[in-house]
N, C-alpha and C. Protein backbone atom coordinates (compact mmCIF):
# COMPACT_ATOMS: atom_id res chain seq x y z
N UNK A 1 6.24 -167.36 -107.64
CA UNK A 1 7.12 -167.18 -106.50
C UNK A 1 6.49 -167.72 -105.22
N UNK A 2 5.18 -167.77 -105.21
CA UNK A 2 4.51 -168.33 -104.04
C UNK A 2 4.85 -169.81 -103.89
N UNK A 3 4.97 -170.49 -105.01
CA UNK A 3 5.35 -171.91 -104.97
C UNK A 3 6.79 -172.08 -104.47
N UNK A 4 7.69 -171.18 -104.88
CA UNK A 4 9.07 -171.24 -104.39
C UNK A 4 9.12 -171.03 -102.88
N UNK A 5 8.32 -170.11 -102.40
CA UNK A 5 8.26 -169.87 -100.96
C UNK A 5 7.78 -171.11 -100.23
N UNK A 6 6.75 -171.74 -100.76
CA UNK A 6 6.24 -172.96 -100.15
C UNK A 6 7.29 -174.06 -100.15
N UNK A 7 8.02 -174.19 -101.24
CA UNK A 7 9.07 -175.21 -101.33
C UNK A 7 10.19 -174.95 -100.32
N UNK A 8 10.60 -173.70 -100.18
CA UNK A 8 11.66 -173.38 -99.22
C UNK A 8 11.22 -173.65 -97.79
N UNK A 9 10.01 -173.24 -97.46
CA UNK A 9 9.52 -173.45 -96.10
C UNK A 9 9.30 -174.94 -95.84
N UNK A 10 8.81 -175.67 -96.84
CA UNK A 10 8.65 -177.11 -96.70
C UNK A 10 9.97 -177.83 -96.52
N UNK A 11 10.98 -177.40 -97.26
CA UNK A 11 12.31 -178.00 -97.11
C UNK A 11 12.89 -177.71 -95.73
N UNK A 12 12.65 -176.49 -95.23
CA UNK A 12 13.13 -176.15 -93.89
C UNK A 12 12.42 -176.99 -92.83
N UNK A 13 11.12 -177.21 -93.01
CA UNK A 13 10.37 -178.03 -92.06
C UNK A 13 10.85 -179.48 -92.09
N UNK A 14 11.09 -180.01 -93.28
CA UNK A 14 11.57 -181.39 -93.39
C UNK A 14 12.96 -181.54 -92.78
N UNK A 15 13.82 -180.57 -93.04
CA UNK A 15 15.16 -180.63 -92.46
C UNK A 15 15.10 -180.48 -90.94
N UNK A 16 14.21 -179.61 -90.46
CA UNK A 16 14.05 -179.46 -89.02
C UNK A 16 13.55 -180.73 -88.36
N UNK A 17 12.64 -181.43 -89.04
CA UNK A 17 12.16 -182.70 -88.52
C UNK A 17 13.30 -183.72 -88.47
N UNK A 18 14.10 -183.75 -89.51
CA UNK A 18 15.25 -184.66 -89.52
C UNK A 18 16.25 -184.34 -88.41
N UNK A 19 16.49 -183.06 -88.18
CA UNK A 19 17.40 -182.67 -87.10
C UNK A 19 16.83 -183.05 -85.73
N UNK A 20 15.53 -182.88 -85.56
CA UNK A 20 14.90 -183.25 -84.30
C UNK A 20 14.97 -184.75 -84.06
N UNK A 21 14.72 -185.53 -85.10
CA UNK A 21 14.80 -186.98 -84.97
C UNK A 21 16.22 -187.40 -84.63
N UNK A 22 17.21 -186.79 -85.31
CA UNK A 22 18.61 -187.09 -85.03
C UNK A 22 18.93 -186.86 -83.56
N UNK A 23 18.51 -185.71 -83.04
CA UNK A 23 18.81 -185.35 -81.66
C UNK A 23 18.08 -186.25 -80.67
N UNK A 24 16.82 -186.54 -80.94
CA UNK A 24 16.04 -187.34 -80.00
C UNK A 24 16.45 -188.81 -80.00
N UNK A 25 16.87 -189.34 -81.16
CA UNK A 25 17.31 -190.73 -81.19
C UNK A 25 18.60 -190.94 -80.42
N UNK A 26 19.43 -189.91 -80.37
CA UNK A 26 20.69 -190.04 -79.62
C UNK A 26 20.50 -189.68 -78.15
N UNK A 27 19.27 -189.36 -77.76
CA UNK A 27 18.93 -188.98 -76.38
C UNK A 27 19.77 -187.80 -75.91
N UNK A 28 20.05 -186.89 -76.80
CA UNK A 28 20.76 -185.66 -76.45
C UNK A 28 22.27 -185.79 -76.38
N UNK A 29 22.80 -186.95 -76.71
CA UNK A 29 24.26 -187.13 -76.64
C UNK A 29 24.96 -186.55 -77.86
N UNK A 30 24.31 -186.59 -79.02
CA UNK A 30 24.92 -186.09 -80.25
C UNK A 30 24.15 -184.87 -80.73
N UNK A 31 24.85 -183.79 -80.91
CA UNK A 31 24.24 -182.58 -81.45
C UNK A 31 24.42 -182.62 -82.96
N UNK A 32 23.37 -182.31 -83.71
CA UNK A 32 23.49 -182.31 -85.18
C UNK A 32 24.55 -181.32 -85.64
N UNK A 33 25.13 -181.54 -86.80
CA UNK A 33 26.17 -180.64 -87.31
C UNK A 33 25.64 -179.21 -87.48
N UNK A 34 26.52 -178.27 -87.20
CA UNK A 34 26.14 -176.86 -87.30
C UNK A 34 25.75 -176.49 -88.72
N UNK A 35 26.39 -177.09 -89.71
CA UNK A 35 26.08 -176.75 -91.10
C UNK A 35 24.63 -177.09 -91.44
N UNK A 36 24.13 -178.23 -90.95
CA UNK A 36 22.74 -178.58 -91.21
C UNK A 36 21.78 -177.65 -90.48
N UNK A 37 22.13 -177.27 -89.26
CA UNK A 37 21.29 -176.33 -88.52
C UNK A 37 21.27 -174.97 -89.19
N UNK A 38 22.41 -174.53 -89.70
CA UNK A 38 22.47 -173.25 -90.40
C UNK A 38 21.69 -173.31 -91.71
N UNK A 39 21.76 -174.43 -92.42
CA UNK A 39 20.98 -174.59 -93.64
C UNK A 39 19.48 -174.57 -93.34
N UNK A 40 19.08 -175.21 -92.26
CA UNK A 40 17.68 -175.20 -91.83
C UNK A 40 17.21 -173.77 -91.58
N UNK A 41 18.00 -172.99 -90.87
CA UNK A 41 17.65 -171.61 -90.60
C UNK A 41 17.63 -170.76 -91.86
N UNK A 42 18.59 -170.97 -92.72
CA UNK A 42 18.66 -170.18 -93.96
C UNK A 42 17.47 -170.48 -94.87
N UNK A 43 17.08 -171.74 -94.96
CA UNK A 43 15.91 -172.09 -95.77
C UNK A 43 14.64 -171.47 -95.22
N UNK A 44 14.49 -171.52 -93.90
CA UNK A 44 13.28 -170.96 -93.28
C UNK A 44 13.21 -169.45 -93.47
N UNK A 45 14.31 -168.77 -93.22
CA UNK A 45 14.32 -167.31 -93.34
C UNK A 45 14.12 -166.87 -94.79
N UNK A 46 14.78 -167.55 -95.71
CA UNK A 46 14.62 -167.16 -97.12
C UNK A 46 13.21 -167.45 -97.62
N UNK A 47 12.61 -168.54 -97.19
CA UNK A 47 11.22 -168.82 -97.56
C UNK A 47 10.26 -167.81 -96.99
N UNK A 48 10.49 -167.39 -95.75
CA UNK A 48 9.62 -166.40 -95.12
C UNK A 48 9.77 -165.03 -95.80
N UNK A 49 11.00 -164.65 -96.11
CA UNK A 49 11.23 -163.37 -96.80
C UNK A 49 10.59 -163.39 -98.18
N UNK A 50 10.73 -164.50 -98.88
CA UNK A 50 10.11 -164.61 -100.20
C UNK A 50 8.59 -164.54 -100.09
N UNK A 51 8.02 -165.14 -99.06
CA UNK A 51 6.57 -165.06 -98.85
C UNK A 51 6.15 -163.62 -98.61
N UNK A 52 6.91 -162.88 -97.82
CA UNK A 52 6.57 -161.48 -97.56
C UNK A 52 6.69 -160.64 -98.83
N UNK A 53 7.68 -160.92 -99.66
CA UNK A 53 7.84 -160.19 -100.92
C UNK A 53 6.65 -160.47 -101.84
N UNK A 54 6.23 -161.72 -101.90
CA UNK A 54 5.09 -162.07 -102.75
C UNK A 54 3.83 -161.39 -102.24
N UNK A 55 3.63 -161.36 -100.93
CA UNK A 55 2.42 -160.76 -100.38
C UNK A 55 2.42 -159.24 -100.52
N UNK A 56 3.59 -158.62 -100.59
CA UNK A 56 3.66 -157.17 -100.73
C UNK A 56 3.30 -156.72 -102.14
N UNK A 57 3.57 -157.54 -103.12
CA UNK A 57 3.30 -157.18 -104.51
C UNK A 57 1.93 -157.67 -104.96
N UNK A 58 1.53 -157.28 -106.15
CA UNK A 58 0.25 -157.75 -106.67
C UNK A 58 0.32 -159.22 -107.08
N UNK A 59 -0.70 -159.95 -106.74
CA UNK A 59 -0.78 -161.35 -107.12
C UNK A 59 -1.52 -161.48 -108.44
N UNK A 60 -1.31 -162.55 -109.18
CA UNK A 60 -2.07 -162.74 -110.42
C UNK A 60 -3.57 -162.79 -110.14
N UNK A 61 -4.35 -162.37 -111.11
CA UNK A 61 -5.80 -162.29 -110.93
C UNK A 61 -6.41 -163.65 -110.61
N UNK A 62 -5.88 -164.69 -111.19
CA UNK A 62 -6.43 -166.02 -110.97
C UNK A 62 -6.21 -166.50 -109.53
N UNK A 63 -5.19 -165.99 -108.85
CA UNK A 63 -4.89 -166.46 -107.50
C UNK A 63 -5.95 -166.01 -106.50
N UNK A 64 -6.62 -164.90 -106.77
CA UNK A 64 -7.68 -164.45 -105.86
C UNK A 64 -8.86 -165.40 -105.87
N UNK A 65 -9.06 -166.07 -106.98
CA UNK A 65 -10.16 -167.02 -107.08
C UNK A 65 -9.94 -168.19 -106.11
N UNK A 66 -8.69 -168.54 -105.85
CA UNK A 66 -8.37 -169.66 -104.96
C UNK A 66 -8.09 -169.22 -103.53
N UNK A 67 -8.16 -167.94 -103.24
CA UNK A 67 -7.94 -167.46 -101.88
C UNK A 67 -6.48 -167.34 -101.49
N UNK A 68 -5.59 -167.21 -102.45
CA UNK A 68 -4.15 -167.15 -102.17
C UNK A 68 -3.76 -165.94 -101.32
N UNK A 69 -4.33 -164.74 -101.55
CA UNK A 69 -3.91 -163.61 -100.71
C UNK A 69 -4.21 -163.82 -99.23
N UNK A 70 -5.37 -164.33 -98.93
CA UNK A 70 -5.73 -164.57 -97.53
C UNK A 70 -4.90 -165.69 -96.94
N UNK A 71 -4.71 -166.76 -97.69
CA UNK A 71 -3.92 -167.88 -97.19
C UNK A 71 -2.47 -167.47 -96.96
N UNK A 72 -1.94 -166.64 -97.83
CA UNK A 72 -0.56 -166.17 -97.66
C UNK A 72 -0.40 -165.35 -96.39
N UNK A 73 -1.37 -164.48 -96.13
CA UNK A 73 -1.29 -163.67 -94.90
C UNK A 73 -1.45 -164.54 -93.65
N UNK A 74 -2.30 -165.53 -93.72
CA UNK A 74 -2.47 -166.44 -92.59
C UNK A 74 -1.17 -167.23 -92.37
N UNK A 75 -0.56 -167.70 -93.46
CA UNK A 75 0.70 -168.45 -93.34
C UNK A 75 1.80 -167.58 -92.76
N UNK A 76 1.87 -166.32 -93.19
CA UNK A 76 2.88 -165.42 -92.65
C UNK A 76 2.64 -165.18 -91.16
N UNK A 77 1.40 -165.06 -90.76
CA UNK A 77 1.08 -164.88 -89.34
C UNK A 77 1.50 -166.09 -88.51
N UNK A 78 1.23 -167.28 -89.03
CA UNK A 78 1.64 -168.49 -88.30
C UNK A 78 3.16 -168.61 -88.22
N UNK A 79 3.86 -168.22 -89.28
CA UNK A 79 5.32 -168.29 -89.24
C UNK A 79 5.90 -167.32 -88.23
N UNK A 80 5.26 -166.15 -88.08
CA UNK A 80 5.75 -165.20 -87.08
C UNK A 80 5.57 -165.76 -85.67
N UNK A 81 4.44 -166.43 -85.46
CA UNK A 81 4.20 -167.03 -84.14
C UNK A 81 5.21 -168.12 -83.86
């Protein structure tokens, strides 16, 4: 589930970058479609909620070897900021 969270947050970041490029190339004359902005928000929120769910439960034993619990908490902190 940690991988799904990463994929959702990554997709939200990529879509956000695309929306920003769209807006900046038009010099503020064209606002991106509301549906894309809503999808961007939904992806980000669902990825963040999934990350919090994963961090609340026990992680597999092998993940502690790679530092996943600490990295997950750091990622959640950055997302809150």
